[in-house]
Structures are given as C-alpha cells and as structure tokens.
Amino acid sequence: MNSPITPDDDQDTERSDDAVESHWQQRGVQIVGSLALLAVATGTIVYRWLEGWGWIDSLYFSVITLTTVGYGDLSPTSSGSKLFTVFYIIFGISLFGAFLNNLVKERAKRAARRHTGK
C-alpha cells in the first residue's frame, strides 16, 4: 500500500537530489581537472618528440600555450608541430576554460551553503 507523500518526504528527496548533484559537480571538477593535466602531459611529450626540446622546455611551452601567456621565446619549427599546436590550443584552452568554470561554480555553491547554513 502506498502512503501519501508528506511535505517532509519532499524535503528529504530535495536534500538527496542536492547531495547527488553536489557529488557529480565535484566529480566534474576532478574529471575536467584530470583531463587538463593530461593535456599538459600530452603536449609535453609531443613537443619533446616533435621538436626535440628537453622535458622542462616542453612542459614550459605546453603551459604557456594553454594559459595563453605565449612569451614567444620558444615556437614550433616543423609543420607537424605547428599543426599539432593549432589543435592543441583549440582543445586545451577550451578544456582549461571548462575546468575553471566548474571550479568557480563549485566554490560558489560551497560559499552559498556556508552562508545559508545548509
């Protein structure tokens, strides 16, 4: 026999839904952050292989490229690395943007919960 839904049941369901959403939002930050780190690692390996740069220079170039700093002290010289860089920039900047967006949203939700006492 089904019992009628009471207001307390609605609140419990709402809290449960909020907990599930919060869990997946936190997971989203972790997943996108991991993908961003993977992008930096991939760039580092590819530039080392294509350009013959050392590990530090390859990492440095990957980071300054994806953060859009671009000092200009290093630049790809081969056609293959230039083509890789085009796609690396498009994919990597989008990925870092998504990571920062998810991170800021999660922190704003935490601050709102602290402020409201939930």
N, C-alpha and C. Protein backbone atom coordinates (compact mmCIF):
# COMPACT_ATOMS: atom_id res chain seq x y z
N MET A 1 0.84 -1.16 0.00
CA MET A 1 0.00 0.00 0.00
C MET A 1 0.90 1.24 0.00
N ASN A 2 0.61 2.17 -0.88
CA ASN A 2 1.39 3.40 -0.98
C ASN A 2 0.84 4.43 -0.01
N SER A 3 1.74 5.07 0.70
CA SER A 3 1.31 6.12 1.61
C SER A 3 1.43 7.46 0.88
N PRO A 4 0.62 8.42 1.26
CA PRO A 4 0.70 9.72 0.60
C PRO A 4 2.03 10.40 0.93
N ILE A 5 2.47 11.22 0.00
CA ILE A 5 3.72 11.95 0.19
C ILE A 5 3.46 13.13 1.10
N THR A 6 4.29 13.25 2.11
CA THR A 6 4.16 14.36 3.05
C THR A 6 5.19 15.42 2.72
N PRO A 7 5.00 16.63 3.22
CA PRO A 7 6.00 17.69 2.97
C PRO A 7 7.40 17.29 3.41
N ASP A 8 7.52 16.52 4.50
CA ASP A 8 8.84 16.08 4.95
C ASP A 8 9.50 15.18 3.91
N ASP A 9 8.69 14.32 3.25
CA ASP A 9 9.23 13.45 2.21
C ASP A 9 9.79 14.27 1.06
N ASP A 10 9.10 15.34 0.69
CA ASP A 10 9.58 16.21 -0.39
C ASP A 10 10.92 16.85 -0.01
N GLN A 11 11.07 17.27 1.25
CA GLN A 11 12.31 17.88 1.69
C GLN A 11 13.45 16.87 1.68
N ASP A 12 13.17 15.63 2.12
CA ASP A 12 14.19 14.60 2.11
C ASP A 12 14.63 14.30 0.68
N THR A 13 13.69 14.23 -0.24
CA THR A 13 14.00 13.97 -1.64
C THR A 13 14.82 15.12 -2.21
N GLU A 14 14.45 16.35 -1.85
CA GLU A 14 15.17 17.52 -2.33
C GLU A 14 16.60 17.52 -1.81
N ARG A 15 16.81 17.19 -0.53
CA ARG A 15 18.15 17.12 0.03
C ARG A 15 18.97 16.03 -0.64
N SER A 16 18.33 14.90 -0.89
CA SER A 16 19.01 13.79 -1.55
C SER A 16 19.42 14.18 -2.97
N ASP A 17 18.54 14.85 -3.69
CA ASP A 17 18.86 15.31 -5.04
C ASP A 17 20.01 16.31 -5.01
N ASP A 18 20.01 17.21 -4.02
CA ASP A 18 21.09 18.19 -3.89
C ASP A 18 22.42 17.49 -3.62
N ALA A 19 22.40 16.45 -2.79
CA ALA A 19 23.63 15.72 -2.46
C ALA A 19 24.18 15.01 -3.70
N VAL A 20 23.29 14.42 -4.49
CA VAL A 20 23.72 13.73 -5.71
C VAL A 20 24.29 14.74 -6.70
N GLU A 21 23.61 15.87 -6.86
CA GLU A 21 24.09 16.91 -7.77
C GLU A 21 25.45 17.45 -7.32
N SER A 22 25.60 17.67 -6.02
CA SER A 22 26.86 18.17 -5.49
C SER A 22 27.99 17.16 -5.72
N HIS A 23 27.68 15.89 -5.52
CA HIS A 23 28.67 14.84 -5.74
C HIS A 23 29.15 14.85 -7.19
N TRP A 24 28.22 14.92 -8.12
CA TRP A 24 28.61 14.90 -9.53
C TRP A 24 29.27 16.21 -9.96
N GLN A 25 28.91 17.32 -9.34
CA GLN A 25 29.59 18.57 -9.63
C GLN A 25 31.04 18.49 -9.19
N GLN A 26 31.28 17.93 -7.99
CA GLN A 26 32.66 17.76 -7.51
C GLN A 26 33.42 16.79 -8.42
N ARG A 27 32.75 15.72 -8.83
CA ARG A 27 33.37 14.77 -9.75
C ARG A 27 33.72 15.44 -11.07
N GLY A 28 32.84 16.32 -11.54
CA GLY A 28 33.09 17.04 -12.78
C GLY A 28 34.35 17.88 -12.70
N VAL A 29 34.54 18.54 -11.58
CA VAL A 29 35.75 19.34 -11.37
C VAL A 29 36.97 18.42 -11.42
N GLN A 30 36.89 17.28 -10.75
CA GLN A 30 38.02 16.35 -10.73
C GLN A 30 38.31 15.78 -12.11
N ILE A 31 37.26 15.41 -12.83
CA ILE A 31 37.43 14.81 -14.16
C ILE A 31 38.03 15.82 -15.13
N VAL A 32 37.45 17.01 -15.18
CA VAL A 32 37.95 18.02 -16.12
C VAL A 32 39.35 18.47 -15.71
N GLY A 33 39.62 18.57 -14.42
CA GLY A 33 40.97 18.91 -13.96
C GLY A 33 41.99 17.84 -14.36
N SER A 34 41.60 16.59 -14.24
CA SER A 34 42.48 15.49 -14.66
C SER A 34 42.73 15.55 -16.16
N LEU A 35 41.70 15.85 -16.94
CA LEU A 35 41.87 15.98 -18.39
C LEU A 35 42.79 17.15 -18.73
N ALA A 36 42.70 18.23 -17.97
CA ALA A 36 43.58 19.38 -18.20
C ALA A 36 45.04 19.00 -17.92
N LEU A 37 45.28 18.28 -16.84
CA LEU A 37 46.64 17.80 -16.55
C LEU A 37 47.12 16.83 -17.62
N LEU A 38 46.22 15.99 -18.10
CA LEU A 38 46.56 15.06 -19.18
C LEU A 38 46.92 15.83 -20.46
N ALA A 39 46.23 16.92 -20.71
CA ALA A 39 46.54 17.75 -21.89
C ALA A 39 47.94 18.33 -21.78
N VAL A 40 48.30 18.82 -20.60
CA VAL A 40 49.64 19.37 -20.40
C VAL A 40 50.69 18.26 -20.58
N ALA A 41 50.43 17.10 -20.02
CA ALA A 41 51.37 15.98 -20.16
C ALA A 41 51.50 15.56 -21.62
N THR A 42 50.38 15.50 -22.32
CA THR A 42 50.41 15.13 -23.74
C THR A 42 51.21 16.13 -24.55
N GLY A 43 50.96 17.41 -24.31
CA GLY A 43 51.71 18.45 -25.01
C GLY A 43 53.19 18.35 -24.72
N THR A 44 53.54 18.10 -23.49
CA THR A 44 54.94 17.98 -23.10
C THR A 44 55.62 16.85 -23.87
N ILE A 45 54.95 15.72 -23.92
CA ILE A 45 55.52 14.55 -24.61
C ILE A 45 55.62 14.81 -26.12
N VAL A 46 54.56 15.37 -26.70
CA VAL A 46 54.54 15.61 -28.15
C VAL A 46 55.60 16.63 -28.55
N TYR A 47 55.72 17.71 -27.80
CA TYR A 47 56.74 18.70 -28.15
C TYR A 47 58.15 18.15 -27.97
N ARG A 48 58.35 17.33 -26.97
CA ARG A 48 59.67 16.71 -26.79
C ARG A 48 59.98 15.83 -28.00
N TRP A 49 58.99 15.10 -28.46
CA TRP A 49 59.18 14.17 -29.58
C TRP A 49 59.32 14.92 -30.91
N LEU A 50 58.42 15.87 -31.18
CA LEU A 50 58.43 16.56 -32.47
C LEU A 50 59.53 17.62 -32.60
N GLU A 51 59.78 18.34 -31.52
CA GLU A 51 60.74 19.44 -31.58
C GLU A 51 62.12 19.06 -31.04
N GLY A 52 62.19 17.98 -30.26
CA GLY A 52 63.46 17.58 -29.68
C GLY A 52 63.87 18.45 -28.50
N TRP A 53 62.92 19.18 -27.93
CA TRP A 53 63.21 20.01 -26.76
C TRP A 53 63.38 19.13 -25.53
N GLY A 54 64.00 19.66 -24.50
CA GLY A 54 64.11 18.94 -23.23
C GLY A 54 62.75 18.91 -22.54
N TRP A 55 62.69 18.13 -21.46
CA TRP A 55 61.42 17.99 -20.73
C TRP A 55 60.94 19.32 -20.16
N ILE A 56 61.84 20.09 -19.62
CA ILE A 56 61.46 21.37 -19.00
C ILE A 56 60.94 22.34 -20.06
N ASP A 57 61.66 22.46 -21.17
CA ASP A 57 61.21 23.36 -22.24
C ASP A 57 59.86 22.91 -22.81
N SER A 58 59.68 21.61 -22.95
CA SER A 58 58.41 21.09 -23.49
C SER A 58 57.26 21.37 -22.53
N LEU A 59 57.49 21.15 -21.24
CA LEU A 59 56.46 21.44 -20.24
C LEU A 59 56.17 22.93 -20.21
N TYR A 60 57.22 23.72 -20.21
CA TYR A 60 57.09 25.18 -20.19
C TYR A 60 56.26 25.66 -21.37
N PHE A 61 56.58 25.18 -22.57
CA PHE A 61 55.85 25.60 -23.75
C PHE A 61 54.38 25.16 -23.69
N SER A 62 54.14 23.96 -23.20
CA SER A 62 52.76 23.47 -23.07
C SER A 62 51.94 24.36 -22.14
N VAL A 63 52.52 24.71 -21.01
CA VAL A 63 51.80 25.52 -20.03
C VAL A 63 51.58 26.94 -20.53
N ILE A 64 52.60 27.57 -21.09
CA ILE A 64 52.41 28.95 -21.55
C ILE A 64 51.48 29.02 -22.76
N THR A 65 51.41 27.95 -23.52
CA THR A 65 50.48 27.90 -24.65
C THR A 65 49.04 27.78 -24.16
N LEU A 66 48.79 26.84 -23.25
CA LEU A 66 47.41 26.61 -22.80
C LEU A 66 46.90 27.71 -21.87
N THR A 67 47.79 28.43 -21.24
CA THR A 67 47.35 29.55 -20.40
C THR A 67 47.31 30.85 -21.18
N THR A 68 47.61 30.78 -22.45
CA THR A 68 47.60 31.91 -23.41
C THR A 68 48.61 32.99 -23.06
N VAL A 69 49.64 32.65 -22.30
CA VAL A 69 50.69 33.63 -21.98
C VAL A 69 51.55 33.86 -23.22
N GLY A 70 52.10 32.80 -23.77
CA GLY A 70 52.85 32.86 -25.02
C GLY A 70 53.96 33.89 -25.06
N TYR A 71 55.01 33.69 -24.30
CA TYR A 71 56.12 34.63 -24.25
C TYR A 71 56.81 34.81 -25.59
N GLY A 72 56.83 33.78 -26.42
CA GLY A 72 57.46 33.88 -27.72
C GLY A 72 58.91 33.47 -27.74
N ASP A 73 59.44 33.02 -26.62
CA ASP A 73 60.85 32.61 -26.60
C ASP A 73 61.05 31.24 -27.23
N LEU A 74 60.02 30.41 -27.26
CA LEU A 74 60.04 29.13 -27.95
C LEU A 74 58.88 29.13 -28.94
N SER A 75 59.10 28.48 -30.07
CA SER A 75 57.99 28.32 -31.01
C SER A 75 58.25 27.08 -31.85
N PRO A 76 57.16 26.42 -32.27
CA PRO A 76 57.30 25.22 -33.09
C PRO A 76 57.97 25.56 -34.42
N THR A 77 58.81 24.64 -34.90
CA THR A 77 59.53 24.89 -36.15
C THR A 77 59.10 23.97 -37.28
N SER A 78 58.63 22.77 -36.97
CA SER A 78 58.25 21.84 -38.03
C SER A 78 56.76 21.98 -38.35
N SER A 79 56.39 21.56 -39.53
CA SER A 79 54.98 21.63 -39.94
C SER A 79 54.11 20.76 -39.03
N GLY A 80 54.62 19.60 -38.65
CA GLY A 80 53.87 18.70 -37.78
C GLY A 80 53.58 19.31 -36.43
N SER A 81 54.58 19.94 -35.84
CA SER A 81 54.37 20.54 -34.52
C SER A 81 53.51 21.80 -34.61
N LYS A 82 53.59 22.52 -35.72
CA LYS A 82 52.71 23.68 -35.89
C LYS A 82 51.26 23.24 -36.01
N LEU A 83 51.03 22.18 -36.79
CA LEU A 83 49.67 21.65 -36.93
C LEU A 83 49.15 21.11 -35.61
N PHE A 84 50.00 20.39 -34.87
CA PHE A 84 49.61 19.91 -33.54
C PHE A 84 49.24 21.09 -32.64
N THR A 85 50.03 22.15 -32.69
CA THR A 85 49.80 23.32 -31.84
C THR A 85 48.44 23.95 -32.10
N VAL A 86 48.03 24.02 -33.35
CA VAL A 86 46.72 24.58 -33.69
C VAL A 86 45.61 23.82 -32.96
N PHE A 87 45.62 22.51 -33.06
CA PHE A 87 44.58 21.71 -32.41
C PHE A 87 44.76 21.67 -30.89
N TYR A 88 46.00 21.69 -30.46
CA TYR A 88 46.31 21.70 -29.03
C TYR A 88 45.75 22.96 -28.36
N ILE A 89 45.91 24.08 -29.01
CA ILE A 89 45.39 25.34 -28.47
C ILE A 89 43.86 25.32 -28.40
N ILE A 90 43.22 24.92 -29.48
CA ILE A 90 41.75 24.90 -29.51
C ILE A 90 41.21 23.96 -28.44
N PHE A 91 41.74 22.76 -28.37
CA PHE A 91 41.26 21.78 -27.40
C PHE A 91 41.66 22.17 -25.97
N GLY A 92 42.91 22.54 -25.79
CA GLY A 92 43.43 22.80 -24.45
C GLY A 92 42.84 24.03 -23.79
N ILE A 93 42.69 25.11 -24.52
CA ILE A 93 42.12 26.32 -23.93
C ILE A 93 40.65 26.08 -23.56
N SER A 94 39.94 25.35 -24.41
CA SER A 94 38.55 25.00 -24.09
C SER A 94 38.48 24.16 -22.82
N LEU A 95 39.39 23.22 -22.71
CA LEU A 95 39.43 22.34 -21.54
C LEU A 95 39.76 23.11 -20.27
N PHE A 96 40.75 24.00 -20.33
CA PHE A 96 41.09 24.80 -19.17
C PHE A 96 39.95 25.75 -18.80
N GLY A 97 39.26 26.28 -19.80
CA GLY A 97 38.09 27.14 -19.53
C GLY A 97 37.00 26.37 -18.82
N ALA A 98 36.73 25.15 -19.28
CA ALA A 98 35.71 24.31 -18.64
C ALA A 98 36.11 23.97 -17.20
N PHE A 99 37.39 23.67 -16.99
CA PHE A 99 37.87 23.37 -15.64
C PHE A 99 37.68 24.56 -14.71
N LEU A 100 38.10 25.74 -15.15
CA LEU A 100 37.95 26.93 -14.32
C LEU A 100 36.48 27.25 -14.07
N ASN A 101 35.63 27.07 -15.06
CA ASN A 101 34.20 27.30 -14.90
C ASN A 101 33.62 26.36 -13.84
N ASN A 102 33.93 25.08 -13.94
CA ASN A 102 33.44 24.10 -12.96
C ASN A 102 33.97 24.40 -11.56
N LEU A 103 35.22 24.78 -11.48
CA LEU A 103 35.84 25.07 -10.19
C LEU A 103 35.17 26.28 -9.53
N VAL A 104 34.96 27.34 -10.29
CA VAL A 104 34.34 28.55 -9.74
C VAL A 104 32.90 28.25 -9.32
N LYS A 105 32.16 27.50 -10.13
CA LYS A 105 30.77 27.16 -9.76
C LYS A 105 30.72 26.35 -8.47
N GLU A 106 31.61 25.39 -8.33
CA GLU A 106 31.64 24.55 -7.13
C GLU A 106 31.97 25.39 -5.90
N ARG A 107 32.93 26.26 -6.01
CA ARG A 107 33.30 27.12 -4.87
C ARG A 107 32.17 28.09 -4.51
N ALA A 108 31.47 28.60 -5.51
CA ALA A 108 30.34 29.49 -5.25
C ALA A 108 29.23 28.75 -4.53
N LYS A 109 28.98 27.50 -4.92
CA LYS A 109 27.96 26.70 -4.24
C LYS A 109 28.34 26.43 -2.79
N ARG A 110 29.61 26.13 -2.56
CA ARG A 110 30.07 25.90 -1.18
C ARG A 110 29.92 27.16 -0.34
N ALA A 111 30.27 28.29 -0.90
CA ALA A 111 30.15 29.55 -0.17
C ALA A 111 28.68 29.86 0.13
N ALA A 112 27.80 29.59 -0.82
CA ALA A 112 26.37 29.83 -0.61
C ALA A 112 25.84 28.90 0.47
N ARG A 113 26.28 27.64 0.48
CA ARG A 113 25.83 26.71 1.52
C ARG A 113 26.32 27.15 2.89
N ARG A 114 27.56 27.61 2.98
CA ARG A 114 28.07 28.10 4.28
C ARG A 114 27.29 29.32 4.73
N HIS A 115 26.96 30.19 3.79
CA HIS A 115 26.26 31.42 4.12
C HIS A 115 24.82 31.15 4.58
N THR A 116 24.15 30.19 3.97
CA THR A 116 22.78 29.87 4.33
C THR A 116 22.70 28.85 5.46
N GLY A 117 23.82 28.22 5.79
CA GLY A 117 23.83 27.26 6.89
C GLY A 117 23.37 25.88 6.51
N LYS A 118 23.31 25.55 5.23
CA LYS A 118 22.89 24.21 4.80
C LYS A 118 24.07 23.31 4.59
